Amino acid sequence: MRKITLKNIVWKEGKHYVSWNLNTGVSSFGDSKKEALSSLQEALELYFEDVPISKINKVENPDLIPLVFKYA
């Protein structure tokens, strides 16, 4: 079995934690960070049933960069 390293982000949104995978765009949520990541793991397993691992985007060193956005 091959192993790949995926980059994930987790943040709190209201009462829940949201988890998002940068390589695939797959996301999930849970009541805790651990639960959100566990749900993301399950969602990724389902995702990779239909998409080959060779099709994922490679993300090396992501930076979190703030952007000020003005809107009316």
PDB file of N, CA and C in Angstrom:
ATOM      1  N   MET A   1       0.844  -1.184   0.000  1.00  0.00           N
ATOM      2  CA  MET A   1       0.000   0.000   0.000  1.00  0.00           C
ATOM      3  C   MET A   1       0.883   1.238   0.000  1.00  0.00           C
ATOM      4  N   ARG A   2       0.605   2.171  -0.933  1.00  0.00           N
ATOM      5  CA  ARG A   2       1.358   3.431  -1.010  1.00  0.00           C
ATOM      6  C   ARG A   2       0.831   4.434   0.003  1.00  0.00           C
ATOM      7  N   LYS A   3       1.711   5.319   0.433  1.00  0.00           N
ATOM      8  CA  LYS A   3       1.306   6.396   1.327  1.00  0.00           C
ATOM      9  C   LYS A   3       1.556   7.722   0.629  1.00  0.00           C
ATOM     10  N   ILE A   4       0.658   8.666   0.834  1.00  0.00           N
ATOM     11  CA  ILE A   4       0.852  10.023   0.345  1.00  0.00           C
ATOM     12  C   ILE A   4       0.601  10.974   1.503  1.00  0.00           C
ATOM     13  N   THR A   5       1.252  12.118   1.464  1.00  0.00           N
ATOM     14  CA  THR A   5       1.059  13.130   2.490  1.00  0.00           C
ATOM     15  C   THR A   5       0.176  14.222   1.911  1.00  0.00           C
ATOM     16  N   LEU A   6      -0.923  14.493   2.573  1.00  0.00           N
ATOM     17  CA  LEU A   6      -1.857  15.519   2.137  1.00  0.00           C
ATOM     18  C   LEU A   6      -1.817  16.698   3.099  1.00  0.00           C
ATOM     19  N   LYS A   7      -2.049  17.888   2.576  1.00  0.00           N
ATOM     20  CA  LYS A   7      -2.060  19.112   3.392  1.00  0.00           C
ATOM     21  C   LYS A   7      -3.508  19.483   3.709  1.00  0.00           C
ATOM     22  N   ASN A   8      -3.792  19.667   4.993  1.00  0.00           N
ATOM     23  CA  ASN A   8      -5.137  19.978   5.457  1.00  0.00           C
ATOM     24  C   ASN A   8      -5.134  21.232   6.327  1.00  0.00           C
ATOM     25  N   ILE A   9      -6.256  21.922   6.326  1.00  0.00           N
ATOM     26  CA  ILE A   9      -6.457  23.095   7.177  1.00  0.00           C
ATOM     27  C   ILE A   9      -7.689  22.826   8.033  1.00  0.00           C
ATOM     28  N   VAL A  10      -7.638  23.238   9.295  1.00  0.00           N
ATOM     29  CA  VAL A  10      -8.790  23.104  10.192  1.00  0.00           C
ATOM     30  C   VAL A  10      -9.012  24.453  10.874  1.00  0.00           C
ATOM     31  N   TRP A  11     -10.277  24.887  10.930  1.00  0.00           N
ATOM     32  CA  TRP A  11     -10.600  26.121  11.623  1.00  0.00           C
ATOM     33  C   TRP A  11     -11.972  25.992  12.270  1.00  0.00           C
ATOM     34  N   LYS A  12     -12.208  26.847  13.265  1.00  0.00           N
ATOM     35  CA  LYS A  12     -13.495  26.838  13.955  1.00  0.00           C
ATOM     36  C   LYS A  12     -14.443  27.798  13.261  1.00  0.00           C
ATOM     37  N   GLU A  13     -15.654  27.325  13.026  1.00  0.00           N
ATOM     38  CA  GLU A  13     -16.685  28.126  12.383  1.00  0.00           C
ATOM     39  C   GLU A  13     -17.973  27.926  13.174  1.00  0.00           C
ATOM     40  N   GLY A  14     -18.329  28.923  13.979  1.00  0.00           N
ATOM     41  CA  GLY A  14     -19.488  28.772  14.865  1.00  0.00           C
ATOM     42  C   GLY A  14     -19.197  27.715  15.911  1.00  0.00           C
ATOM     43  N   LYS A  15     -20.084  26.718  16.043  1.00  0.00           N
ATOM     44  CA  LYS A  15     -19.910  25.647  17.027  1.00  0.00           C
ATOM     45  C   LYS A  15     -19.062  24.498  16.498  1.00  0.00           C
ATOM     46  N   HIS A  16     -18.789  24.482  15.203  1.00  0.00           N
ATOM     47  CA  HIS A  16     -18.125  23.340  14.577  1.00  0.00           C
ATOM     48  C   HIS A  16     -16.727  23.691  14.079  1.00  0.00           C
ATOM     49  N   TYR A  17     -15.966  22.652  13.816  1.00  0.00           N
ATOM     50  CA  TYR A  17     -14.662  22.786  13.180  1.00  0.00           C
ATOM     51  C   TYR A  17     -14.796  22.299  11.740  1.00  0.00           C
ATOM     52  N   VAL A  18     -14.188  23.032  10.826  1.00  0.00           N
ATOM     53  CA  VAL A  18     -14.201  22.690   9.410  1.00  0.00           C
ATOM     54  C   VAL A  18     -12.809  22.211   9.035  1.00  0.00           C
ATOM     55  N   SER A  19     -12.730  21.137   8.284  1.00  0.00           N
ATOM     56  CA  SER A  19     -11.449  20.625   7.787  1.00  0.00           C
ATOM     57  C   SER A  19     -11.493  20.647   6.264  1.00  0.00           C
ATOM     58  N   TRP A  20     -10.385  21.074   5.654  1.00  0.00           N
ATOM     59  CA  TRP A  20     -10.335  21.215   4.202  1.00  0.00           C
ATOM     60  C   TRP A  20      -8.998  20.703   3.702  1.00  0.00           C
ATOM     61  N   ASN A  21      -9.042  19.864   2.696  1.00  0.00           N
ATOM     62  CA  ASN A  21      -7.831  19.315   2.105  1.00  0.00           C
ATOM     63  C   ASN A  21      -7.412  20.180   0.922  1.00  0.00           C
ATOM     64  N   LEU A  22      -6.188  20.725   0.980  1.00  0.00           N
ATOM     65  CA  LEU A  22      -5.697  21.614  -0.068  1.00  0.00           C
ATOM     66  C   LEU A  22      -5.410  20.877  -1.374  1.00  0.00           C
ATOM     67  N   ASN A  23      -5.074  19.615  -1.308  1.00  0.00           N
ATOM     68  CA  ASN A  23      -4.710  18.860  -2.509  1.00  0.00           C
ATOM     69  C   ASN A  23      -5.914  18.521  -3.387  1.00  0.00           C
ATOM     70  N   THR A  24      -7.075  18.358  -2.784  1.00  0.00           N
ATOM     71  CA  THR A  24      -8.242  17.873  -3.526  1.00  0.00           C
ATOM     72  C   THR A  24      -9.433  18.829  -3.497  1.00  0.00           C
ATOM     73  N   GLY A  25      -9.491  19.720  -2.513  1.00  0.00           N
ATOM     74  CA  GLY A  25     -10.655  20.580  -2.341  1.00  0.00           C
ATOM     75  C   GLY A  25     -11.771  19.916  -1.550  1.00  0.00           C
ATOM     76  N   VAL A  26     -11.536  18.693  -1.059  1.00  0.00           N
ATOM     77  CA  VAL A  26     -12.525  17.969  -0.249  1.00  0.00           C
ATOM     78  C   VAL A  26     -12.557  18.587   1.146  1.00  0.00           C
ATOM     79  N   SER A  27     -13.760  18.737   1.700  1.00  0.00           N
ATOM     80  CA  SER A  27     -13.884  19.293   3.047  1.00  0.00           C
ATOM     81  C   SER A  27     -14.899  18.499   3.858  1.00  0.00           C
ATOM     82  N   SER A  28     -14.852  18.710   5.173  1.00  0.00           N
ATOM     83  CA  SER A  28     -15.804  18.080   6.076  1.00  0.00           C
ATOM     84  C   SER A  28     -15.850  18.911   7.350  1.00  0.00           C
ATOM     85  N   PHE A  29     -16.556  18.423   8.370  1.00  0.00           N
ATOM     86  CA  PHE A  29     -16.653  19.168   9.625  1.00  0.00           C
ATOM     87  C   PHE A  29     -16.905  18.216  10.783  1.00  0.00           C
ATOM     88  N   GLY A  30     -16.794  18.756  12.009  1.00  0.00           N
ATOM     89  CA  GLY A  30     -17.065  17.980  13.212  1.00  0.00           C
ATOM     90  C   GLY A  30     -17.166  18.895  14.411  1.00  0.00           C
ATOM     91  N   ASP A  31     -17.494  18.315  15.556  1.00  0.00           N
ATOM     92  CA  ASP A  31     -17.628  19.095  16.793  1.00  0.00           C
ATOM     93  C   ASP A  31     -16.290  19.432  17.427  1.00  0.00           C
ATOM     94  N   SER A  32     -15.219  18.768  17.006  1.00  0.00           N
ATOM     95  CA  SER A  32     -13.874  19.034  17.498  1.00  0.00           C
ATOM     96  C   SER A  32     -12.917  18.942  16.311  1.00  0.00           C
ATOM     97  N   LYS A  33     -11.681  19.399  16.512  1.00  0.00           N
ATOM     98  CA  LYS A  33     -10.681  19.283  15.439  1.00  0.00           C
ATOM     99  C   LYS A  33     -10.474  17.821  15.070  1.00  0.00           C
ATOM    100  N   LYS A  34     -10.379  16.988  16.087  1.00  0.00           N
ATOM    101  CA  LYS A  34     -10.153  15.560  15.854  1.00  0.00           C
ATOM    102  C   LYS A  34     -11.300  14.953  15.043  1.00  0.00           C
ATOM    103  N   GLU A  35     -12.527  15.299  15.400  1.00  0.00           N
ATOM    104  CA  GLU A  35     -13.694  14.773  14.690  1.00  0.00           C
ATOM    105  C   GLU A  35     -13.753  15.308  13.250  1.00  0.00           C
ATOM    106  N   ALA A  36     -13.394  16.580  13.069  1.00  0.00           N
ATOM    107  CA  ALA A  36     -13.386  17.164  11.728  1.00  0.00           C
ATOM    108  C   ALA A  36     -12.357  16.464  10.848  1.00  0.00           C
ATOM    109  N   LEU A  37     -11.184  16.170  11.392  1.00  0.00           N
ATOM    110  CA  LEU A  37     -10.150  15.473  10.614  1.00  0.00           C
ATOM    111  C   LEU A  37     -10.536  14.029  10.340  1.00  0.00           C
ATOM    112  N   SER A  38     -11.191  13.391  11.291  1.00  0.00           N
ATOM    113  CA  SER A  38     -11.658  12.028  11.083  1.00  0.00           C
ATOM    114  C   SER A  38     -12.717  11.984   9.980  1.00  0.00           C
ATOM    115  N   SER A  39     -13.625  12.960   9.978  1.00  0.00           N
ATOM    116  CA  SER A  39     -14.642  13.047   8.936  1.00  0.00           C
ATOM    117  C   SER A  39     -14.008  13.341   7.583  1.00  0.00           C
ATOM    118  N   LEU A  40     -12.959  14.160   7.591  1.00  0.00           N
ATOM    119  CA  LEU A  40     -12.236  14.458   6.351  1.00  0.00           C
ATOM    120  C   LEU A  40     -11.557  13.204   5.814  1.00  0.00           C
ATOM    121  N   GLN A  41     -10.976  12.422   6.693  1.00  0.00           N
ATOM    122  CA  GLN A  41     -10.338  11.161   6.294  1.00  0.00           C
ATOM    123  C   GLN A  41     -11.350  10.267   5.572  1.00  0.00           C
ATOM    124  N   GLU A  42     -12.540  10.146   6.140  1.00  0.00           N
ATOM    125  CA  GLU A  42     -13.584   9.326   5.539  1.00  0.00           C
ATOM    126  C   GLU A  42     -14.004   9.891   4.174  1.00  0.00           C
ATOM    127  N   ALA A  43     -14.158  11.218   4.099  1.00  0.00           N
ATOM    128  CA  ALA A  43     -14.543  11.849   2.836  1.00  0.00           C
ATOM    129  C   ALA A  43     -13.469  11.647   1.767  1.00  0.00           C
ATOM    130  N   LEU A  44     -12.201  11.705   2.173  1.00  0.00           N
ATOM    131  CA  LEU A  44     -11.106  11.490   1.217  1.00  0.00           C
ATOM    132  C   LEU A  44     -11.064  10.046   0.734  1.00  0.00           C
ATOM    133  N   GLU A  45     -11.349   9.116   1.617  1.00  0.00           N
ATOM    134  CA  GLU A  45     -11.398   7.706   1.203  1.00  0.00           C
ATOM    135  C   GLU A  45     -12.469   7.509   0.130  1.00  0.00           C
ATOM    136  N   LEU A  46     -13.625   8.126   0.306  1.00  0.00           N
ATOM    137  CA  LEU A  46     -14.687   8.041  -0.693  1.00  0.00           C
ATOM    138  C   LEU A  46     -14.273   8.749  -1.988  1.00  0.00           C
ATOM    139  N   TYR A  47     -13.622   9.900  -1.861  1.00  0.00           N
ATOM    140  CA  TYR A  47     -13.152  10.659  -3.020  1.00  0.00           C
ATOM    141  C   TYR A  47     -12.188   9.815  -3.862  1.00  0.00           C
ATOM    142  N   PHE A  48     -11.253   9.155  -3.199  1.00  0.00           N
ATOM    143  CA  PHE A  48     -10.236   8.386  -3.923  1.00  0.00           C
ATOM    144  C   PHE A  48     -10.765   7.064  -4.484  1.00  0.00           C
ATOM    145  N   GLU A  49     -12.008   6.705  -4.175  1.00  0.00           N
ATOM    146  CA  GLU A  49     -12.617   5.551  -4.834  1.00  0.00           C
ATOM    147  C   GLU A  49     -12.873   5.862  -6.308  1.00  0.00           C
ATOM    148  N   ASP A  50     -13.111   7.152  -6.620  1.00  0.00           N
ATOM    149  CA  ASP A  50     -13.436   7.560  -7.985  1.00  0.00           C
ATOM    150  C   ASP A  50     -12.299   8.300  -8.697  1.00  0.00           C
ATOM    151  N   VAL A  51     -11.376   8.872  -7.942  1.00  0.00           N
ATOM    152  CA  VAL A  51     -10.304   9.671  -8.528  1.00  0.00           C
ATOM    153  C   VAL A  51      -8.966   9.019  -8.197  1.00  0.00           C
ATOM    154  N   PRO A  52      -8.131   8.767  -9.209  1.00  0.00           N
ATOM    155  CA  PRO A  52      -6.828   8.164  -8.919  1.00  0.00           C
ATOM    156  C   PRO A  52      -5.918   9.139  -8.166  1.00  0.00           C
ATOM    157  N   ILE A  53      -5.111   8.599  -7.287  1.00  0.00           N
ATOM    158  CA  ILE A  53      -4.209   9.416  -6.478  1.00  0.00           C
ATOM    159  C   ILE A  53      -3.266  10.231  -7.360  1.00  0.00           C
ATOM    160  N   SER A  54      -2.958   9.747  -8.536  1.00  0.00           N
ATOM    161  CA  SER A  54      -2.064  10.469  -9.441  1.00  0.00           C
ATOM    162  C   SER A  54      -2.671  11.795  -9.909  1.00  0.00           C
ATOM    163  N   LYS A  55      -3.971  11.995  -9.715  1.00  0.00           N
ATOM    164  CA  LYS A  55      -4.654  13.215 -10.163  1.00  0.00           C
ATOM    165  C   LYS A  55      -4.694  14.320  -9.111  1.00  0.00           C
ATOM    166  N   ILE A  56      -4.147  14.100  -7.907  1.00  0.00           N
ATOM    167  CA  ILE A  56      -4.215  15.129  -6.871  1.00  0.00           C
ATOM    168  C   ILE A  56      -3.210  16.237  -7.155  1.00  0.00           C
ATOM    169  N   ASN A  57      -3.504  17.432  -6.684  1.00  0.00           N
ATOM    170  CA  ASN A  57      -2.596  18.568  -6.812  1.00  0.00           C
ATOM    171  C   ASN A  57      -1.515  18.469  -5.747  1.00  0.00           C
ATOM    172  N   LYS A  58      -0.287  18.700  -6.148  1.00  0.00           N
ATOM    173  CA  LYS A  58       0.816  18.671  -5.193  1.00  0.00           C
ATOM    174  C   LYS A  58       0.917  20.037  -4.521  1.00  0.00           C
ATOM    175  N   VAL A  59       0.898  20.057  -3.201  1.00  0.00           N
ATOM    176  CA  VAL A  59       1.028  21.289  -2.425  1.00  0.00           C
ATOM    177  C   VAL A  59       2.254  21.127  -1.540  1.00  0.00           C
ATOM    178  N   GLU A  60       3.269  21.938  -1.779  1.00  0.00           N
ATOM    179  CA  GLU A  60       4.523  21.790  -1.037  1.00  0.00           C
ATOM    180  C   GLU A  60       4.539  22.577   0.270  1.00  0.00           C
ATOM    181  N   ASN A  61       4.600  23.888   0.184  1.00  0.00           N
ATOM    182  CA  ASN A  61       4.728  24.733   1.371  1.00  0.00           C
ATOM    183  C   ASN A  61       3.683  25.841   1.337  1.00  0.00           C
ATOM    184  N   PRO A  62       2.456  25.537   1.729  1.00  0.00           N
ATOM    185  CA  PRO A  62       1.418  26.572   1.660  1.00  0.00           C
ATOM    186  C   PRO A  62       1.651  27.663   2.700  1.00  0.00           C
ATOM    187  N   ASP A  63       1.324  28.888   2.316  1.00  0.00           N
ATOM    188  CA  ASP A  63       1.371  30.034   3.227  1.00  0.00           C
ATOM    189  C   ASP A  63      -0.045  30.539   3.412  1.00  0.00           C
ATOM    190  N   LEU A  64      -0.362  30.963   4.610  1.00  0.00           N
ATOM    191  CA  LEU A  64      -1.651  31.576   4.883  1.00  0.00           C
ATOM    192  C   LEU A  64      -1.454  33.085   4.772  1.00  0.00           C
ATOM    193  N   ILE A  65      -1.984  33.676   3.713  1.00  0.00           N
ATOM    194  CA  ILE A  65      -1.768  35.083   3.411  1.00  0.00           C
ATOM    195  C   ILE A  65      -3.100  35.825   3.536  1.00  0.00           C
ATOM    196  N   PRO A  66      -3.183  36.822   4.416  1.00  0.00           N
ATOM    197  CA  PRO A  66      -4.424  37.594   4.527  1.00  0.00           C
ATOM    198  C   PRO A  66      -4.600  38.497   3.307  1.00  0.00           C
ATOM    199  N   LEU A  67      -5.837  38.706   2.936  1.00  0.00           N
ATOM    200  CA  LEU A  67      -6.177  39.584   1.816  1.00  0.00           C
ATOM    201  C   LEU A  67      -7.315  40.486   2.266  1.00  0.00           C
ATOM    202  N   VAL A  68      -7.110  41.783   2.173  1.00  0.00           N
ATOM    203  CA  VAL A  68      -8.165  42.731   2.520  1.00  0.00           C
ATOM    204  C   VAL A  68      -9.019  42.924   1.282  1.00  0.00           C
ATOM    205  N   PHE A  69     -10.308  42.666   1.440  1.00  0.00           N
ATOM    206  CA  PHE A  69     -11.235  42.728   0.319  1.00  0.00           C
ATOM    207  C   PHE A  69     -12.311  43.752   0.650  1.00  0.00           C
ATOM    208  N   LYS A  70     -12.481  44.753  -0.222  1.00  0.00           N
ATOM    209  CA  LYS A  70     -13.515  45.769  -0.019  1.00  0.00           C
ATOM    210  C   LYS A  70     -14.703  45.450  -0.910  1.00  0.00           C
ATOM    211  N   TYR A  71     -15.896  45.572  -0.358  1.00  0.00           N
ATOM    212  CA  TYR A  71     -17.101  45.312  -1.132  1.00  0.00           C
ATOM    213  C   TYR A  71     -18.203  46.279  -0.707  1.00  0.00           C
ATOM    214  N   ALA A  72     -19.176  46.447  -1.549  1.00  0.00           N
ATOM    215  CA  ALA A  72     -20.259  47.393  -1.269  1.00  0.00           C
ATOM    216  C   ALA A  72     -21.373  46.732  -0.496  1.00  0.00           C
TER     217      ALA A  72
END
